[in-house]
Protein backbone atom coordinates (compact mmCIF):
# COMPACT_ATOMS: atom_id res chain seq x y z
CA UNK A 1 38.74 -22.49 -7.77
CA UNK A 2 40.63 -19.43 -8.99
CA UNK A 3 42.28 -16.86 -6.75
CA UNK A 4 39.71 -14.26 -7.86
CA UNK A 5 36.82 -16.44 -6.67
CA UNK A 6 38.59 -17.19 -3.38
CA UNK A 7 38.97 -13.47 -2.64
CA UNK A 8 35.20 -12.91 -2.94
CA UNK A 9 35.19 -10.92 -6.15
CA UNK A 10 32.88 -13.29 -8.01
CA UNK A 11 29.35 -14.59 -7.62
CA UNK A 12 27.33 -17.27 -9.33
CA UNK A 13 23.85 -16.61 -10.67
CA UNK A 14 21.46 -19.14 -9.10
CA UNK A 15 18.83 -21.20 -10.88
CA UNK A 16 16.27 -18.68 -9.58
CA UNK A 17 18.23 -15.80 -11.18
CA UNK A 18 19.42 -14.62 -7.76
CA UNK A 19 22.84 -13.14 -7.12
CA UNK A 20 24.75 -12.47 -3.91
CA UNK A 21 26.87 -9.33 -4.30
CA UNK A 22 30.22 -9.42 -2.49
CA UNK A 23 30.33 -7.28 0.67
CA UNK A 24 33.38 -5.32 -0.55
CA UNK A 25 31.50 -4.25 -3.69
CA UNK A 26 28.46 -3.20 -1.65
CA UNK A 27 30.61 -1.20 0.76
CA UNK A 28 32.40 0.53 -2.11
CA UNK A 29 29.02 1.49 -3.59
CA UNK A 30 27.66 2.66 -0.22
CA UNK A 31 24.85 0.11 -0.34
CA UNK A 32 23.43 -1.84 2.58
CA UNK A 33 21.24 -4.85 3.22
CA UNK A 34 17.64 -3.95 2.50
CA UNK A 35 18.37 -1.22 -0.06
CA UNK A 36 16.12 -1.29 -3.09
CA UNK A 37 18.05 -1.58 -6.33
CA UNK A 38 17.06 -0.94 -9.92
CA UNK A 39 18.65 -1.96 -13.20
CA UNK A 40 20.10 1.21 -14.69
CA UNK A 41 21.25 -0.46 -17.89
CA UNK A 42 21.82 -3.88 -19.37
CA UNK A 43 23.80 -5.02 -22.38
CA UNK A 44 25.46 -8.31 -23.36
CA UNK A 45 27.78 -9.33 -20.53
CA UNK A 46 27.06 -6.30 -18.33
CA UNK A 47 24.30 -5.16 -15.93
CA UNK A 48 24.52 -1.88 -14.02
CA UNK A 49 22.57 -1.62 -10.75
CA UNK A 50 21.95 1.49 -8.71
CA UNK A 51 20.17 2.24 -5.48
CA UNK A 52 16.54 3.06 -6.18
CA UNK A 53 15.74 6.67 -5.46
CA UNK A 54 12.24 7.82 -4.66
CA UNK A 55 10.92 10.77 -6.60
CA UNK A 56 10.13 12.28 -3.19
CA UNK A 57 13.75 12.23 -1.93
CA UNK A 58 14.36 15.83 -2.93
CA UNK A 59 11.19 17.24 -1.37
CA UNK A 60 10.69 15.38 1.89
CA UNK A 61 11.29 17.72 4.77
CA UNK A 62 10.35 20.77 2.67
CA UNK A 63 6.60 20.26 3.01
CA UNK A 64 4.80 20.69 6.34
CA UNK A 65 4.10 17.33 7.94
CA UNK A 66 6.55 15.36 5.79
CA UNK A 67 9.66 14.30 7.62
CA UNK A 68 12.73 12.63 6.16
CA UNK A 69 11.66 9.30 7.68
CA UNK A 70 7.99 9.70 6.76
CA UNK A 71 6.19 6.80 5.17
CA UNK A 72 5.46 8.39 1.80
CA UNK A 73 3.18 5.57 0.65
CA UNK A 74 1.04 5.84 3.79
CA UNK A 75 0.87 9.62 3.39
CA UNK A 76 -0.15 9.25 -0.26
CA UNK A 77 -2.96 6.88 0.81
CA UNK A 78 -4.22 9.47 3.31
CA UNK A 79 -4.20 12.27 0.71
CA UNK A 80 -6.45 10.24 -1.58
CA UNK A 81 -9.25 9.99 0.99
């Protein structure tokens, strides 16, 4: 095992295409357990992930009845009825 692997800077892609991201990398990116991620770009040998951002992030709290912690999906379901 190399020194780089021992220090937690590497991960192995599982047979189910799952990857555990080292805690130091997550902290540096400001990400936390449970965050939704999306693939921003992919090219040979490189994948860039970013935290998924809802299209409602910029407007929640500006509309009456929508709070920052509102369940947007539940609200959308109510608007359709």
